[in-house]
Amino acid sequence: MPPRKKRLIRPERIRGKVDESRFFLECIREHEEDRYKFGFFLSAFLCALKSVADLIPLVGADRNERKQLKKDVAQLRRANPALDYLLSVRDVEVHSEGAAIVMTMGSYLELRPRGVDFPRSRFSARFEGGFHPLYGSPLRSAGSSRSVPVYKHRWRFQDYPAPVIDVCRFCFNLLAVHVDQTLP
């Protein structure tokens, strides 16, 4: 049996994987509200991103060039913990129980009517008509505001503090720039 030769990967193949990653990143953004589709597209994005990182060293024509490209990717991972995290969480997502992502909700927003708030007990004796002479606005007690819930659906990895979409966007841009700089 003849010895196996290392297969040379063309740069177009890696650029295709970068485009695939971009497609799934856009799908993640569009389907942030639907947790099933979000999870499906996140898994596909992580696989495409990992493919980009794994295929970059295989572009080199000779052994020394491949080693250098592999060192460059390893250095990029060490310099950017978010990229290292995403590439490692991909293995958990695909081969284990799945990445633990949780949705965080925003807090309550306090809405107040327009105008000036004056404590009623302090000013009601002076301005019996209920209007302040300088502002012309009705006097309102401090309890006249109302709170409404503000829902900010932000997906986060359970063991990583930044929002999932922000981490994915940052890592994608990092690898896309690296591909453009290193590949012919």
Protein backbone atom coordinates (compact mmCIF):
# COMPACT_ATOMS: atom_id res chain seq x y z
CA MET A 1 0.00 0.00 0.00
CA PRO A 2 1.49 3.37 -1.00
CA PRO A 3 2.02 5.96 1.76
CA ARG A 4 -0.73 8.52 2.24
CA LYS A 5 -0.02 11.97 0.96
CA LYS A 6 -1.18 15.06 2.73
CA ARG A 7 -3.95 16.68 0.82
CA LEU A 8 -3.38 20.26 -0.24
CA ILE A 9 -6.37 22.50 0.43
CA ARG A 10 -7.03 25.28 -2.03
CA PRO A 11 -7.57 28.80 -0.64
CA GLU A 12 -10.97 28.91 -2.39
CA ARG A 13 -12.15 26.08 -0.14
CA ILE A 14 -11.29 28.08 2.98
CA ARG A 15 -12.91 31.21 1.60
CA GLY A 16 -16.02 29.13 0.95
CA LYS A 17 -16.01 28.09 4.61
CA VAL A 18 -15.66 31.76 5.62
CA ASP A 19 -18.73 32.55 3.49
CA GLU A 20 -20.56 29.62 5.10
CA SER A 21 -19.69 31.01 8.54
CA ARG A 22 -20.95 34.44 7.49
CA PHE A 23 -24.23 32.91 6.31
CA PHE A 24 -24.83 31.11 9.60
CA LEU A 25 -23.89 34.21 11.59
CA GLU A 26 -26.58 36.16 9.75
CA CYS A 27 -29.06 33.35 10.44
CA ILE A 28 -28.18 33.50 14.14
CA ARG A 29 -28.92 37.23 14.18
CA GLU A 30 -32.23 36.82 12.35
CA HIS A 31 -33.52 33.95 14.52
CA GLU A 32 -32.47 35.19 17.94
CA GLU A 33 -36.04 34.97 19.26
CA ASP A 34 -36.63 31.33 18.25
CA ARG A 35 -34.53 29.18 20.56
CA TYR A 36 -34.62 26.06 18.37
CA LYS A 37 -33.52 27.77 15.19
CA PHE A 38 -30.99 29.80 17.17
CA GLY A 39 -29.46 26.59 18.52
CA PHE A 40 -29.40 24.93 15.10
CA PHE A 41 -27.71 27.88 13.41
CA LEU A 42 -25.29 28.33 16.31
CA SER A 43 -24.18 24.71 15.98
CA ALA A 44 -23.72 25.10 12.22
CA PHE A 45 -21.78 28.35 12.72
CA LEU A 46 -19.47 26.74 15.27
CA CYS A 47 -18.75 23.85 12.89
CA ALA A 48 -18.01 26.17 9.97
CA LEU A 49 -15.77 28.37 12.13
CA LYS A 50 -13.86 25.35 13.41
CA SER A 51 -13.42 24.16 9.81
CA VAL A 52 -11.85 27.49 8.89
CA ALA A 53 -9.40 27.26 11.79
CA ASP A 54 -8.57 23.63 11.04
CA LEU A 55 -8.11 24.07 7.28
CA ILE A 56 -5.85 27.15 7.34
CA PRO A 57 -2.67 25.13 8.08
CA LEU A 58 -3.42 22.71 5.24
CA VAL A 59 -2.99 25.43 2.61
CA GLY A 60 0.79 25.41 2.91
CA ALA A 61 2.67 23.90 -0.01
CA ASP A 62 5.52 22.43 2.02
CA ARG A 63 5.96 21.17 5.56
CA ASN A 64 7.62 24.32 6.91
CA GLU A 65 4.88 26.55 5.57
CA ARG A 66 2.22 24.32 7.13
CA LYS A 67 3.98 24.43 10.49
CA GLN A 68 4.14 28.21 10.32
CA LEU A 69 0.44 28.51 9.45
CA LYS A 70 -0.42 26.15 12.32
CA LYS A 71 1.68 28.28 14.71
CA ASP A 72 -0.10 31.41 13.49
CA VAL A 73 -3.52 29.90 14.23
CA ALA A 74 -2.33 28.71 17.66
CA GLN A 75 -0.97 32.18 18.42
CA LEU A 76 -4.29 33.74 17.32
CA ARG A 77 -6.13 31.41 19.70
CA ARG A 78 -3.80 32.24 22.60
CA ALA A 79 -4.08 35.98 21.98
CA ASN A 80 -7.89 35.90 21.81
CA PRO A 81 -9.59 33.90 24.58
CA ALA A 82 -13.00 34.34 22.93
CA LEU A 83 -11.82 32.55 19.79
CA ASP A 84 -10.23 29.78 21.84
CA TYR A 85 -13.47 29.43 23.81
CA LEU A 86 -15.67 29.22 20.70
CA LEU A 87 -13.44 26.65 19.02
CA SER A 88 -13.42 24.51 22.16
CA VAL A 89 -17.16 24.88 22.85
CA ARG A 90 -17.80 23.57 19.36
CA ASP A 91 -16.58 20.14 20.47
CA VAL A 92 -18.96 20.21 23.41
CA GLU A 93 -21.80 21.29 21.13
CA VAL A 94 -21.23 18.63 18.50
CA HIS A 95 -19.81 15.67 20.40
CA SER A 96 -21.21 16.03 23.90
CA GLU A 97 -24.38 17.20 25.61
CA GLY A 98 -24.48 20.55 23.83
CA ALA A 99 -23.31 24.01 24.74
CA ALA A 100 -25.08 25.45 27.76
CA ILE A 101 -26.60 28.72 26.59
CA VAL A 102 -29.05 30.74 28.63
CA MET A 103 -31.22 33.72 27.81
CA THR A 104 -30.87 36.74 30.03
CA MET A 105 -33.64 39.27 30.36
CA GLY A 106 -33.41 43.00 30.84
CA SER A 107 -34.70 44.84 33.85
CA TYR A 108 -37.69 47.12 34.34
CA LEU A 109 -37.76 50.56 32.80
CA GLU A 110 -39.44 53.26 34.81
CA LEU A 111 -41.67 55.51 32.74
CA ARG A 112 -42.55 58.88 34.15
CA PRO A 113 -44.98 61.39 32.71
CA ARG A 114 -43.44 64.52 31.22
CA GLY A 115 -43.11 67.44 33.55
CA VAL A 116 -41.62 68.18 36.93
CA ASP A 117 -42.21 66.03 39.97
CA PHE A 118 -42.83 67.80 43.24
CA PRO A 119 -43.63 66.07 46.49
CA ARG A 120 -47.31 66.80 47.00
CA SER A 121 -47.11 67.18 50.77
CA ARG A 122 -44.50 69.92 50.59
CA PHE A 123 -45.99 72.08 47.82
CA SER A 124 -49.72 71.44 47.95
CA ALA A 125 -50.30 74.20 50.52
CA ARG A 126 -48.48 76.81 48.40
CA PHE A 127 -50.00 75.93 45.05
CA GLU A 128 -53.54 74.94 45.77
CA GLY A 129 -54.61 74.87 42.16
CA GLY A 130 -52.25 72.01 41.46
CA PHE A 131 -50.04 73.98 39.05
CA HIS A 132 -46.57 75.25 39.64
CA PRO A 133 -46.40 78.94 38.66
CA LEU A 134 -43.05 78.69 36.89
CA TYR A 135 -43.55 75.47 34.96
CA GLY A 136 -47.27 75.40 34.45
CA SER A 137 -47.35 71.64 34.85
CA PRO A 138 -49.69 69.78 37.15
CA LEU A 139 -48.21 68.65 40.42
CA ARG A 140 -47.78 64.94 40.66
CA SER A 141 -46.72 62.76 43.51
CA ALA A 142 -43.57 60.69 43.25
CA GLY A 143 -45.70 57.56 42.97
CA SER A 144 -47.21 58.52 39.62
CA SER A 145 -44.63 56.69 37.53
CA ARG A 146 -45.12 53.20 36.21
CA SER A 147 -42.65 50.47 35.37
CA VAL A 148 -42.76 48.32 32.30
CA PRO A 149 -40.61 45.27 31.66
CA VAL A 150 -37.95 45.69 29.01
CA TYR A 151 -37.09 42.40 27.38
CA LYS A 152 -33.64 42.27 25.95
CA HIS A 153 -33.18 38.75 24.72
CA ARG A 154 -29.46 38.18 25.05
CA TRP A 155 -28.17 34.65 24.72
CA ARG A 156 -25.09 33.90 26.79
CA PHE A 157 -22.95 30.83 27.24
CA GLN A 158 -23.36 29.68 30.80
CA ASP A 159 -19.62 29.73 31.47
CA TYR A 160 -18.65 32.76 29.35
CA PRO A 161 -19.76 36.31 30.21
CA ALA A 162 -20.18 37.95 26.79
CA PRO A 163 -23.35 37.60 24.68
CA VAL A 164 -23.23 34.75 22.17
CA ILE A 165 -23.86 36.87 19.07
CA ASP A 166 -21.18 39.40 20.02
CA VAL A 167 -18.62 36.64 20.63
CA CYS A 168 -19.52 34.95 17.34
CA ARG A 169 -19.27 38.20 15.39
CA PHE A 170 -15.91 39.09 16.97
CA CYS A 171 -14.41 35.65 16.31
CA PHE A 172 -15.73 35.52 12.77
CA ASN A 173 -14.21 38.91 11.95
CA LEU A 174 -10.94 37.85 13.53
CA LEU A 175 -10.66 34.68 11.45
CA ALA A 176 -11.90 36.36 8.25
CA VAL A 177 -9.20 39.04 8.53
CA HIS A 178 -6.60 36.38 9.28
CA VAL A 179 -7.64 34.40 6.19
CA ASP A 180 -7.47 37.51 4.01
CA GLN A 181 -4.01 38.38 5.32
CA THR A 182 -2.40 34.95 5.16
CA LEU A 183 -3.88 33.26 2.12
CA PRO A 184 -2.83 34.09 -1.44
